[in-house]
Amino acid sequence: MAPIVLCSVLMLAICIERLYTLNPKKIAPPHLLATVWKQLKQGDLDAAKLRTLRQSSPLGRILAAGLANAYHGRDVMKESIEEAAAHVVHDLERYLNTLGTVAAVTPLLGLLGTVFGMIEVFAEIMVQGSGNASALAGGISQALITTAAGLTIAIPALVMHRYFVGKIDSIVVELEQETIKLVDALHSEENTEVTT
């Protein structure tokens, strides 16, 4: 039971931390791209503001990486955005492997506890015989408690793992859309300036 209790504490801590961290408005502030675009149009985006943008949010980090390489061409800009986005996605997925491991391991720990309990019950049968049915039933029910405890932890852990994976997927799509808007706006404007 001790490892199962430890897994439950770990699951709870990860879920609370991820619920706090995976706030879409903190990751991709709604008006960040518009603010950056306005600063770009006014020629007001210097190195200090780029550094502030990089530190403001994960989307800011991606946009700053793209803007730092914006004038090296569309391909270089997209490559730097993809590299920054890979780091951001890695940060977003932090602790999810641990949560998935908890979901997979706790039923096995519960089953292991039940097996040990059944071994004790059968050892008791060998010593006392099978005449005392109530003691036998009590031992079996006590052995099954660990399986129930393991499943009680594993089911919510699996549900939360799936929930966080889905949430991260939707956040990543939103980040991609925002960065594509910036790349398209910057480079389509350059193309129109060249052709006119």
N, C-alpha and C. Protein backbone atom coordinates (compact mmCIF):
# COMPACT_ATOMS: atom_id res chain seq x y z
N MET A 1 0.81 -1.21 0.00
CA MET A 1 0.00 0.00 0.00
C MET A 1 0.85 1.27 0.00
N ALA A 2 2.03 1.23 0.60
CA ALA A 2 2.86 2.45 0.67
C ALA A 2 3.22 2.98 -0.72
N PRO A 3 3.66 2.13 -1.67
CA PRO A 3 3.93 2.66 -3.01
C PRO A 3 2.68 3.22 -3.69
N ILE A 4 1.52 2.62 -3.43
CA ILE A 4 0.28 3.11 -4.03
C ILE A 4 -0.07 4.50 -3.47
N VAL A 5 0.12 4.68 -2.17
CA VAL A 5 -0.12 5.99 -1.54
C VAL A 5 0.85 7.02 -2.11
N LEU A 6 2.12 6.62 -2.28
CA LEU A 6 3.11 7.51 -2.87
C LEU A 6 2.71 7.91 -4.29
N CYS A 7 2.23 6.95 -5.07
CA CYS A 7 1.76 7.23 -6.44
C CYS A 7 0.58 8.19 -6.43
N SER A 8 -0.30 8.04 -5.44
CA SER A 8 -1.47 8.94 -5.39
C SER A 8 -1.04 10.37 -5.08
N VAL A 9 -0.07 10.54 -4.19
CA VAL A 9 0.45 11.88 -3.87
C VAL A 9 1.12 12.48 -5.10
N LEU A 10 1.91 11.67 -5.79
CA LEU A 10 2.60 12.11 -7.00
C LEU A 10 1.60 12.52 -8.08
N MET A 11 0.56 11.71 -8.29
CA MET A 11 -0.46 12.02 -9.29
C MET A 11 -1.16 13.34 -8.95
N LEU A 12 -1.52 13.52 -7.71
CA LEU A 12 -2.21 14.73 -7.28
C LEU A 12 -1.33 15.96 -7.49
N ALA A 13 -0.06 15.85 -7.14
CA ALA A 13 0.87 16.98 -7.30
C ALA A 13 1.04 17.33 -8.78
N ILE A 14 1.19 16.33 -9.63
CA ILE A 14 1.36 16.59 -11.05
C ILE A 14 0.10 17.22 -11.64
N CYS A 15 -1.06 16.72 -11.27
CA CYS A 15 -2.32 17.25 -11.80
C CYS A 15 -2.51 18.71 -11.40
N ILE A 16 -2.23 19.04 -10.15
CA ILE A 16 -2.38 20.43 -9.70
C ILE A 16 -1.40 21.33 -10.44
N GLU A 17 -0.14 20.89 -10.56
CA GLU A 17 0.87 21.70 -11.24
C GLU A 17 0.52 21.90 -12.71
N ARG A 18 0.10 20.85 -13.39
CA ARG A 18 -0.23 20.96 -14.82
C ARG A 18 -1.50 21.79 -15.05
N LEU A 19 -2.49 21.67 -14.16
CA LEU A 19 -3.70 22.49 -14.30
C LEU A 19 -3.34 23.97 -14.18
N TYR A 20 -2.41 24.29 -13.29
CA TYR A 20 -1.99 25.68 -13.12
C TYR A 20 -1.15 26.14 -14.31
N THR A 21 -0.23 25.29 -14.76
CA THR A 21 0.72 25.67 -15.81
C THR A 21 0.09 25.73 -17.19
N LEU A 22 -0.80 24.81 -17.50
CA LEU A 22 -1.36 24.73 -18.85
C LEU A 22 -2.58 25.65 -19.03
N ASN A 23 -2.42 26.87 -18.62
CA ASN A 23 -3.45 27.88 -18.81
C ASN A 23 -3.23 28.53 -20.17
N PRO A 24 -4.15 28.33 -21.12
CA PRO A 24 -3.94 28.85 -22.48
C PRO A 24 -3.68 30.35 -22.53
N LYS A 25 -4.28 31.12 -21.63
CA LYS A 25 -4.09 32.57 -21.65
C LYS A 25 -2.70 32.96 -21.15
N LYS A 26 -2.08 32.11 -20.33
CA LYS A 26 -0.71 32.37 -19.90
C LYS A 26 0.29 31.93 -20.97
N ILE A 27 -0.05 30.86 -21.69
CA ILE A 27 0.86 30.33 -22.70
C ILE A 27 0.82 31.18 -23.97
N ALA A 28 -0.40 31.51 -24.41
CA ALA A 28 -0.58 32.33 -25.61
C ALA A 28 -1.51 33.49 -25.29
N PRO A 29 -0.98 34.57 -24.71
CA PRO A 29 -1.84 35.72 -24.38
C PRO A 29 -2.61 36.20 -25.61
N PRO A 30 -3.89 36.50 -25.46
CA PRO A 30 -4.76 36.78 -26.60
C PRO A 30 -4.30 37.89 -27.54
N HIS A 31 -3.78 38.99 -27.00
CA HIS A 31 -3.46 40.14 -27.87
C HIS A 31 -1.97 40.33 -28.08
N LEU A 32 -1.20 39.30 -27.81
CA LEU A 32 0.25 39.42 -27.92
C LEU A 32 0.70 39.65 -29.35
N LEU A 33 0.15 38.89 -30.29
CA LEU A 33 0.55 39.03 -31.69
C LEU A 33 0.19 40.42 -32.22
N ALA A 34 -0.98 40.93 -31.86
CA ALA A 34 -1.39 42.27 -32.31
C ALA A 34 -0.44 43.33 -31.75
N THR A 35 -0.05 43.18 -30.51
CA THR A 35 0.88 44.13 -29.89
C THR A 35 2.23 44.10 -30.59
N VAL A 36 2.72 42.89 -30.85
CA VAL A 36 4.01 42.73 -31.52
C VAL A 36 3.95 43.32 -32.93
N TRP A 37 2.85 43.08 -33.63
CA TRP A 37 2.70 43.58 -34.99
C TRP A 37 2.68 45.11 -35.00
N LYS A 38 1.98 45.69 -34.01
CA LYS A 38 1.93 47.16 -33.92
C LYS A 38 3.32 47.72 -33.66
N GLN A 39 4.09 47.08 -32.78
CA GLN A 39 5.45 47.53 -32.50
C GLN A 39 6.34 47.40 -33.75
N LEU A 40 6.14 46.33 -34.50
CA LEU A 40 6.91 46.14 -35.74
C LEU A 40 6.59 47.23 -36.75
N LYS A 41 5.32 47.53 -36.93
CA LYS A 41 4.90 48.54 -37.91
C LYS A 41 5.43 49.93 -37.54
N GLN A 42 5.53 50.19 -36.23
CA GLN A 42 6.02 51.50 -35.77
C GLN A 42 7.55 51.53 -35.70
N GLY A 43 8.19 50.39 -35.98
CA GLY A 43 9.64 50.31 -35.89
C GLY A 43 10.14 50.44 -34.46
N ASP A 44 9.30 50.00 -33.54
CA ASP A 44 9.56 50.21 -32.12
C ASP A 44 10.03 48.93 -31.42
N LEU A 45 10.37 47.89 -32.18
CA LEU A 45 10.73 46.61 -31.59
C LEU A 45 12.26 46.49 -31.55
N ASP A 46 12.86 46.94 -30.45
CA ASP A 46 14.30 46.88 -30.31
C ASP A 46 14.71 45.62 -29.55
N ALA A 47 16.00 45.49 -29.26
CA ALA A 47 16.52 44.28 -28.60
C ALA A 47 15.94 44.11 -27.20
N ALA A 48 15.75 45.21 -26.48
CA ALA A 48 15.21 45.12 -25.12
C ALA A 48 13.77 44.62 -25.15
N LYS A 49 12.97 45.12 -26.09
CA LYS A 49 11.58 44.67 -26.19
C LYS A 49 11.51 43.23 -26.67
N LEU A 50 12.45 42.84 -27.51
CA LEU A 50 12.51 41.45 -27.97
C LEU A 50 12.85 40.53 -26.80
N ARG A 51 13.75 40.97 -25.92
CA ARG A 51 14.10 40.19 -24.74
C ARG A 51 12.89 40.08 -23.79
N THR A 52 12.18 41.18 -23.62
CA THR A 52 10.97 41.18 -22.78
C THR A 52 9.92 40.26 -23.37
N LEU A 53 9.77 40.29 -24.69
CA LEU A 53 8.82 39.42 -25.38
C LEU A 53 9.19 37.96 -25.16
N ARG A 54 10.47 37.64 -25.24
CA ARG A 54 10.94 36.26 -25.06
C ARG A 54 10.62 35.74 -23.66
N GLN A 55 10.68 36.63 -22.66
CA GLN A 55 10.45 36.22 -21.29
C GLN A 55 8.98 36.29 -20.87
N SER A 56 8.14 36.88 -21.70
CA SER A 56 6.75 37.12 -21.30
C SER A 56 5.89 35.86 -21.26
N SER A 57 6.06 34.96 -22.23
CA SER A 57 5.21 33.77 -22.33
C SER A 57 5.83 32.79 -23.33
N PRO A 58 5.34 31.55 -23.36
CA PRO A 58 5.84 30.61 -24.37
C PRO A 58 5.61 31.10 -25.81
N LEU A 59 4.44 31.69 -26.07
CA LEU A 59 4.21 32.25 -27.42
C LEU A 59 5.19 33.38 -27.69
N GLY A 60 5.44 34.21 -26.69
CA GLY A 60 6.42 35.28 -26.84
C GLY A 60 7.79 34.75 -27.16
N ARG A 61 8.17 33.63 -26.55
CA ARG A 61 9.46 33.00 -26.82
C ARG A 61 9.56 32.56 -28.28
N ILE A 62 8.46 31.99 -28.80
CA ILE A 62 8.45 31.52 -30.19
C ILE A 62 8.49 32.71 -31.15
N LEU A 63 7.68 33.73 -30.88
CA LEU A 63 7.65 34.91 -31.74
C LEU A 63 8.99 35.63 -31.74
N ALA A 64 9.60 35.73 -30.56
CA ALA A 64 10.91 36.40 -30.46
C ALA A 64 11.97 35.64 -31.26
N ALA A 65 11.92 34.32 -31.23
CA ALA A 65 12.88 33.53 -32.01
C ALA A 65 12.69 33.78 -33.50
N GLY A 66 11.44 33.87 -33.93
CA GLY A 66 11.17 34.15 -35.34
C GLY A 66 11.58 35.55 -35.73
N LEU A 67 11.25 36.53 -34.88
CA LEU A 67 11.57 37.92 -35.19
C LEU A 67 13.08 38.17 -35.20
N ALA A 68 13.82 37.44 -34.36
CA ALA A 68 15.27 37.60 -34.34
C ALA A 68 15.89 37.18 -35.67
N ASN A 69 15.21 36.28 -36.38
CA ASN A 69 15.72 35.80 -37.67
C ASN A 69 14.81 36.19 -38.83
N ALA A 70 13.98 37.18 -38.63
CA ALA A 70 12.98 37.54 -39.64
C ALA A 70 13.59 38.04 -40.94
N TYR A 71 14.72 38.70 -40.85
CA TYR A 71 15.28 39.32 -42.05
C TYR A 71 16.32 38.43 -42.73
N HIS A 72 16.40 37.17 -42.30
CA HIS A 72 17.28 36.20 -42.96
C HIS A 72 16.50 35.37 -43.97
N GLY A 73 15.25 35.68 -44.17
CA GLY A 73 14.42 34.94 -45.11
C GLY A 73 13.38 34.08 -44.40
N ARG A 74 12.36 33.75 -45.16
CA ARG A 74 11.22 33.01 -44.63
C ARG A 74 11.64 31.64 -44.06
N ASP A 75 12.50 30.92 -44.78
CA ASP A 75 12.89 29.57 -44.36
C ASP A 75 13.67 29.59 -43.04
N VAL A 76 14.59 30.52 -42.91
CA VAL A 76 15.38 30.63 -41.68
C VAL A 76 14.46 31.01 -40.52
N MET A 77 13.53 31.92 -40.78
CA MET A 77 12.59 32.34 -39.74
C MET A 77 11.74 31.17 -39.28
N LYS A 78 11.20 30.40 -40.25
CA LYS A 78 10.37 29.25 -39.88
C LYS A 78 11.18 28.21 -39.12
N GLU A 79 12.43 28.01 -39.52
CA GLU A 79 13.28 27.02 -38.84
C GLU A 79 13.54 27.43 -37.39
N SER A 80 13.80 28.71 -37.16
CA SER A 80 14.04 29.18 -35.79
C SER A 80 12.77 29.11 -34.96
N ILE A 81 11.62 29.35 -35.58
CA ILE A 81 10.33 29.23 -34.88
C ILE A 81 10.08 27.77 -34.50
N GLU A 82 10.36 26.85 -35.42
CA GLU A 82 10.16 25.42 -35.13
C GLU A 82 11.07 24.95 -34.01
N GLU A 83 12.29 25.45 -33.99
CA GLU A 83 13.23 25.06 -32.93
C GLU A 83 12.76 25.58 -31.57
N ALA A 84 12.31 26.83 -31.53
CA ALA A 84 11.80 27.39 -30.27
C ALA A 84 10.52 26.68 -29.85
N ALA A 85 9.66 26.36 -30.83
CA ALA A 85 8.40 25.67 -30.53
C ALA A 85 8.66 24.28 -29.96
N ALA A 86 9.70 23.60 -30.45
CA ALA A 86 10.04 22.27 -29.92
C ALA A 86 10.38 22.35 -28.43
N HIS A 87 11.11 23.41 -28.05
CA HIS A 87 11.45 23.59 -26.62
C HIS A 87 10.19 23.90 -25.81
N VAL A 88 9.31 24.73 -26.36
CA VAL A 88 8.08 25.09 -25.66
C VAL A 88 7.20 23.85 -25.46
N VAL A 89 7.05 23.05 -26.51
CA VAL A 89 6.23 21.83 -26.41
C VAL A 89 6.83 20.87 -25.39
N HIS A 90 8.15 20.78 -25.36
CA HIS A 90 8.81 19.93 -24.37
C HIS A 90 8.46 20.39 -22.95
N ASP A 91 8.48 21.71 -22.74
CA ASP A 91 8.11 22.25 -21.42
C ASP A 91 6.65 21.99 -21.10
N LEU A 92 5.78 22.09 -22.10
CA LEU A 92 4.35 21.84 -21.88
C LEU A 92 4.09 20.39 -21.49
N GLU A 93 4.88 19.48 -22.03
CA GLU A 93 4.68 18.04 -21.77
C GLU A 93 5.40 17.54 -20.52
N ARG A 94 5.99 18.47 -19.77
CA ARG A 94 6.73 18.09 -18.56
C ARG A 94 5.81 17.31 -17.60
N TYR A 95 6.32 16.27 -17.03
CA TYR A 95 5.66 15.40 -16.04
C TYR A 95 4.57 14.49 -16.62
N LEU A 96 4.26 14.62 -17.91
CA LEU A 96 3.20 13.76 -18.46
C LEU A 96 3.64 12.30 -18.54
N ASN A 97 4.92 12.06 -18.81
CA ASN A 97 5.40 10.67 -18.81
C ASN A 97 5.28 10.06 -17.42
N THR A 98 5.58 10.87 -16.40
CA THR A 98 5.46 10.38 -15.02
C THR A 98 4.01 10.05 -14.70
N LEU A 99 3.10 10.93 -15.12
CA LEU A 99 1.68 10.69 -14.88
C LEU A 99 1.20 9.43 -15.60
N GLY A 100 1.66 9.22 -16.83
CA GLY A 100 1.32 8.00 -17.57
C GLY A 100 1.89 6.76 -16.90
N THR A 101 3.09 6.89 -16.35
CA THR A 101 3.71 5.77 -15.64
C THR A 101 2.91 5.42 -14.39
N VAL A 102 2.46 6.45 -13.66
CA VAL A 102 1.63 6.21 -12.48
C VAL A 102 0.35 5.48 -12.88
N ALA A 103 -0.26 5.91 -13.99
CA ALA A 103 -1.50 5.26 -14.45
C ALA A 103 -1.26 3.80 -14.82
N ALA A 104 -0.07 3.49 -15.34
CA ALA A 104 0.22 2.12 -15.76
C ALA A 104 0.67 1.23 -14.60
N VAL A 105 1.39 1.82 -13.64
CA VAL A 105 2.03 1.03 -12.59
C VAL A 105 1.10 0.74 -11.42
N THR A 106 0.23 1.66 -11.06
CA THR A 106 -0.56 1.46 -9.84
C THR A 106 -1.47 0.23 -9.88
N PRO A 107 -2.10 -0.11 -11.01
CA PRO A 107 -2.87 -1.36 -10.99
C PRO A 107 -1.97 -2.58 -10.77
N LEU A 108 -0.76 -2.52 -11.32
CA LEU A 108 0.18 -3.63 -11.13
C LEU A 108 0.64 -3.72 -9.68
N LEU A 109 0.87 -2.55 -9.06
CA LEU A 109 1.22 -2.57 -7.64
C LEU A 109 0.07 -3.14 -6.81
N GLY A 110 -1.16 -2.76 -7.16
CA GLY A 110 -2.32 -3.30 -6.46
C GLY A 110 -2.43 -4.80 -6.63
N LEU A 111 -2.19 -5.26 -7.85
CA LEU A 111 -2.24 -6.71 -8.12
C LEU A 111 -1.13 -7.44 -7.36
N LEU A 112 0.04 -6.82 -7.29
CA LEU A 112 1.14 -7.41 -6.54
C LEU A 112 0.78 -7.53 -5.06
N GLY A 113 0.15 -6.49 -4.53
CA GLY A 113 -0.30 -6.55 -3.13
C GLY A 113 -1.32 -7.65 -2.90
N THR A 114 -2.22 -7.82 -3.87
CA THR A 114 -3.22 -8.89 -3.77
C THR A 114 -2.55 -10.26 -3.82
N VAL A 115 -1.58 -10.42 -4.68
CA VAL A 115 -0.87 -11.71 -4.77
C VAL A 115 -0.16 -12.02 -3.45
N PHE A 116 0.51 -11.01 -2.87
CA PHE A 116 1.15 -11.24 -1.57
C PHE A 116 0.12 -11.60 -0.50
N GLY A 117 -1.02 -10.91 -0.54
CA GLY A 117 -2.09 -11.21 0.42
C GLY A 117 -2.63 -12.62 0.25
N MET A 118 -2.79 -13.05 -0.99
CA MET A 118 -3.28 -14.42 -1.24
C MET A 118 -2.25 -15.46 -0.80
N ILE A 119 -0.97 -15.14 -0.98
CA ILE A 119 0.07 -16.06 -0.50
C ILE A 119 -0.04 -16.24 1.01
N GLU A 120 -0.26 -15.13 1.72
CA GLU A 120 -0.43 -15.21 3.17
C GLU A 120 -1.67 -16.02 3.55
N VAL A 121 -2.76 -15.83 2.79
CA VAL A 121 -4.00 -16.58 3.06
C VAL A 121 -3.75 -18.07 2.88
N PHE A 122 -3.10 -18.45 1.79
CA PHE A 122 -2.84 -19.87 1.55
C PHE A 122 -1.84 -20.45 2.56
N ALA A 123 -0.89 -19.63 3.00
CA ALA A 123 0.03 -20.09 4.05
C ALA A 123 -0.74 -20.35 5.34
N GLU A 124 -1.71 -19.49 5.63
CA GLU A 124 -2.55 -19.66 6.82
C GLU A 124 -3.41 -20.92 6.70
N ILE A 125 -3.90 -21.20 5.49
CA ILE A 125 -4.70 -22.41 5.26
C ILE A 125 -3.83 -23.64 5.52
N MET A 126 -2.56 -23.57 5.08
CA MET A 126 -1.67 -24.72 5.29
C MET A 126 -1.45 -24.97 6.78
N VAL A 127 -1.38 -23.91 7.55
CA VAL A 127 -1.12 -24.06 8.99
C VAL A 127 -2.38 -24.49 9.73
N GLN A 128 -3.51 -23.81 9.48
CA GLN A 128 -4.73 -24.04 10.26
C GLN A 128 -5.74 -24.94 9.56
N GLY A 129 -5.58 -25.17 8.28
CA GLY A 129 -6.59 -25.92 7.54
C GLY A 129 -7.66 -24.98 7.00
N SER A 130 -8.58 -25.54 6.26
CA SER A 130 -9.59 -24.70 5.61
C SER A 130 -10.92 -24.71 6.35
N GLY A 131 -10.91 -25.06 7.61
CA GLY A 131 -12.15 -25.16 8.37
C GLY A 131 -12.75 -23.82 8.74
N ASN A 132 -11.93 -22.78 8.90
CA ASN A 132 -12.42 -21.48 9.34
C ASN A 132 -12.69 -20.60 8.11
N ALA A 133 -13.90 -20.67 7.59
CA ALA A 133 -14.25 -19.95 6.35
C ALA A 133 -14.26 -18.44 6.54
N SER A 134 -14.65 -17.95 7.70
CA SER A 134 -14.71 -16.50 7.91
C SER A 134 -13.31 -15.88 7.93
N ALA A 135 -12.36 -16.57 8.54
CA ALA A 135 -10.98 -16.07 8.54
C ALA A 135 -10.42 -16.08 7.12
N LEU A 136 -10.77 -17.11 6.35
CA LEU A 136 -10.33 -17.21 4.96
C LEU A 136 -10.91 -16.08 4.13
N ALA A 137 -12.22 -15.82 4.29
CA ALA A 137 -12.87 -14.74 3.54
C ALA A 137 -12.31 -13.38 3.93
N GLY A 138 -12.05 -13.17 5.22
CA GLY A 138 -11.48 -11.91 5.68
C GLY A 138 -10.10 -11.67 5.09
N GLY A 139 -9.28 -12.72 5.03
CA GLY A 139 -7.94 -12.59 4.46
C GLY A 139 -7.99 -12.27 2.98
N ILE A 140 -8.93 -12.91 2.25
CA ILE A 140 -9.05 -12.65 0.81
C ILE A 140 -9.53 -11.22 0.56
N SER A 141 -10.53 -10.79 1.34
CA SER A 141 -11.03 -9.42 1.14
C SER A 141 -9.96 -8.39 1.46
N GLN A 142 -9.15 -8.66 2.48
CA GLN A 142 -8.06 -7.74 2.81
C GLN A 142 -7.02 -7.72 1.70
N ALA A 143 -6.77 -8.86 1.08
CA ALA A 143 -5.80 -8.92 -0.01
C ALA A 143 -6.28 -8.14 -1.23
N LEU A 144 -7.58 -8.09 -1.46
CA LEU A 144 -8.12 -7.40 -2.62
C LEU A 144 -8.15 -5.88 -2.47
N ILE A 145 -7.96 -5.40 -1.25
CA ILE A 145 -7.97 -3.95 -1.01
C ILE A 145 -6.89 -3.25 -1.83
N THR A 146 -5.72 -3.86 -1.94
CA THR A 146 -4.64 -3.21 -2.69
C THR A 146 -4.98 -3.09 -4.17
N THR A 147 -5.66 -4.09 -4.73
CA THR A 147 -6.07 -3.98 -6.14
C THR A 147 -7.06 -2.83 -6.31
N ALA A 148 -8.02 -2.74 -5.40
CA ALA A 148 -8.99 -1.65 -5.47
C ALA A 148 -8.30 -0.30 -5.33
N ALA A 149 -7.33 -0.21 -4.41
CA ALA A 149 -6.61 1.05 -4.22
C ALA A 149 -5.80 1.41 -5.47
N GLY A 150 -5.16 0.42 -6.07
CA GLY A 150 -4.38 0.67 -7.29
C GLY A 150 -5.25 1.18 -8.42
N LEU A 151 -6.41 0.55 -8.59
CA LEU A 151 -7.32 0.99 -9.66
C LEU A 151 -7.91 2.37 -9.36
N THR A 152 -8.14 2.66 -8.09
CA THR A 152 -8.69 3.96 -7.70
C THR A 152 -7.71 5.09 -8.05
N ILE A 153 -6.43 4.81 -8.02
CA ILE A 153 -5.43 5.81 -8.40
C ILE A 153 -5.21 5.81 -9.91
N ALA A 154 -5.17 4.63 -10.51
CA ALA A 154 -4.83 4.52 -11.93
C ALA A 154 -5.88 5.14 -12.84
N ILE A 155 -7.15 4.97 -12.52
CA ILE A 155 -8.20 5.47 -13.42
C ILE A 155 -8.17 6.99 -13.52
N PRO A 156 -8.16 7.75 -12.40
CA PRO A 156 -8.06 9.20 -12.55
C PRO A 156 -6.74 9.65 -13.18
N ALA A 157 -5.65 8.92 -12.90
CA ALA A 157 -4.36 9.29 -13.50
C ALA A 157 -4.41 9.15 -15.01
N LEU A 158 -5.03 8.09 -15.49
CA LEU A 158 -5.15 7.89 -16.93
C LEU A 158 -6.05 8.94 -17.56
N VAL A 159 -7.16 9.25 -16.90
CA VAL A 159 -8.09 10.27 -17.41
C VAL A 159 -7.38 11.63 -17.49
N MET A 160 -6.66 11.99 -16.44
CA MET A 160 -5.96 13.28 -16.44
C MET A 160 -4.82 13.31 -17.46
N HIS A 161 -4.15 12.19 -17.63
CA HIS A 161 -3.09 12.12 -18.64
C HIS A 161 -3.67 12.39 -20.02
N ARG A 162 -4.78 11.74 -20.36
CA ARG A 162 -5.43 11.96 -21.66
C ARG A 162 -5.91 13.41 -21.79
N TYR A 163 -6.46 13.95 -20.71
CA TYR A 163 -6.94 15.33 -20.72
C TYR A 163 -5.80 16.30 -21.01
N PHE A 164 -4.66 16.12 -20.34
CA PHE A 164 -3.54 17.02 -20.54
C PHE A 164 -2.95 16.88 -21.94
N VAL A 165 -2.89 15.67 -22.46
CA VAL A 165 -2.38 15.47 -23.82
C VAL A 165 -3.27 16.21 -24.82
N GLY A 166 -4.58 16.09 -24.66
CA GLY A 166 -5.52 16.80 -25.54
C GLY A 166 -5.39 18.30 -25.41
N LYS A 167 -5.23 18.78 -24.19
CA LYS A 167 -5.10 20.22 -23.95
C LYS A 167 -3.82 20.75 -24.59
N ILE A 168 -2.74 20.01 -24.45
CA ILE A 168 -1.46 20.42 -25.06
C ILE A 168 -1.58 20.45 -26.57
N ASP A 169 -2.25 19.45 -27.15
CA ASP A 169 -2.44 19.43 -28.60
C ASP A 169 -3.18 20.68 -29.08
N SER A 170 -4.23 21.08 -28.37
CA SER A 170 -4.99 22.26 -28.79
C SER A 170 -4.17 23.54 -28.60
N ILE A 171 -3.35 23.60 -27.54
CA ILE A 171 -2.49 24.77 -27.32
C ILE A 171 -1.44 24.85 -28.43
N VAL A 172 -0.87 23.71 -28.82
CA VAL A 172 0.15 23.69 -29.87
C VAL A 172 -0.44 24.18 -31.20
N VAL A 173 -1.67 23.76 -31.49
CA VAL A 173 -2.33 24.22 -32.72
C VAL A 173 -2.50 25.73 -32.68
N GLU A 174 -2.90 26.27 -31.54
CA GLU A 174 -3.08 27.71 -31.40
C GLU A 174 -1.75 28.45 -31.58
N LEU A 175 -0.67 27.91 -30.98
CA LEU A 175 0.65 28.51 -31.14
C LEU A 175 1.08 28.50 -32.61
N GLU A 176 0.83 27.40 -33.30
CA GLU A 176 1.18 27.31 -34.72
C GLU A 176 0.42 28.35 -35.54
N GLN A 177 -0.87 28.50 -35.26
CA GLN A 177 -1.66 29.47 -36.01
C GLN A 177 -1.14 30.89 -35.81
N GLU A 178 -0.80 31.23 -34.57
CA GLU A 178 -0.30 32.58 -34.29
C GLU A 178 1.03 32.83 -34.99
N THR A 179 1.93 31.86 -34.95
CA THR A 179 3.24 32.08 -35.57
C THR A 179 3.14 32.10 -37.10
N ILE A 180 2.25 31.30 -37.65
CA ILE A 180 2.05 31.32 -39.11
C ILE A 180 1.52 32.68 -39.55
N LYS A 181 0.62 33.26 -38.74
CA LYS A 181 0.11 34.61 -39.06
C LYS A 181 1.26 35.61 -39.12
N LEU A 182 2.18 35.53 -38.16
CA LEU A 182 3.31 36.46 -38.13
C LEU A 182 4.22 36.25 -39.34
N VAL A 183 4.56 35.00 -39.64
CA VAL A 183 5.44 34.72 -40.77
C VAL A 183 4.80 35.20 -42.07
N ASP A 184 3.52 34.85 -42.26
CA ASP A 184 2.83 35.26 -43.49
C ASP A 184 2.74 36.78 -43.60
N ALA A 185 2.42 37.44 -42.50
CA ALA A 185 2.28 38.90 -42.53
C ALA A 185 3.61 39.56 -42.85
N LEU A 186 4.68 39.11 -42.22
CA LEU A 186 5.99 39.71 -42.45
C LEU A 186 6.47 39.50 -43.88
N HIS A 187 6.36 38.27 -44.35
CA HIS A 187 6.95 37.95 -45.65
C HIS A 187 6.04 38.29 -46.82
N SER A 188 4.74 38.33 -46.62
CA SER A 188 3.87 38.78 -47.71
C SER A 188 4.03 40.28 -47.90
N GLU A 189 4.27 41.02 -46.78
CA GLU A 189 4.49 42.46 -46.88
C GLU A 189 5.81 42.74 -47.59
N GLU A 190 6.84 41.95 -47.29
CA GLU A 190 8.13 42.13 -47.98
C GLU A 190 7.98 41.90 -49.47
N ASN A 191 7.20 40.86 -49.83
CA ASN A 191 7.01 40.55 -51.25
C ASN A 191 6.28 41.68 -51.96
N THR A 192 5.27 42.28 -51.33
CA THR A 192 4.54 43.37 -51.98
C THR A 192 5.42 44.60 -52.09
N GLU A 193 6.32 44.84 -51.12
CA GLU A 193 7.23 45.98 -51.23
C GLU A 193 8.21 45.80 -52.36
N VAL A 194 8.66 44.55 -52.57
CA VAL A 194 9.62 44.27 -53.64
C VAL A 194 8.96 44.44 -55.01
N THR A 195 7.71 43.99 -55.14
CA THR A 195 7.05 44.03 -56.45
C THR A 195 6.56 45.42 -56.81
N THR A 196 6.32 46.29 -55.83
CA THR A 196 5.81 47.64 -56.17
C THR A 196 6.92 48.61 -56.46
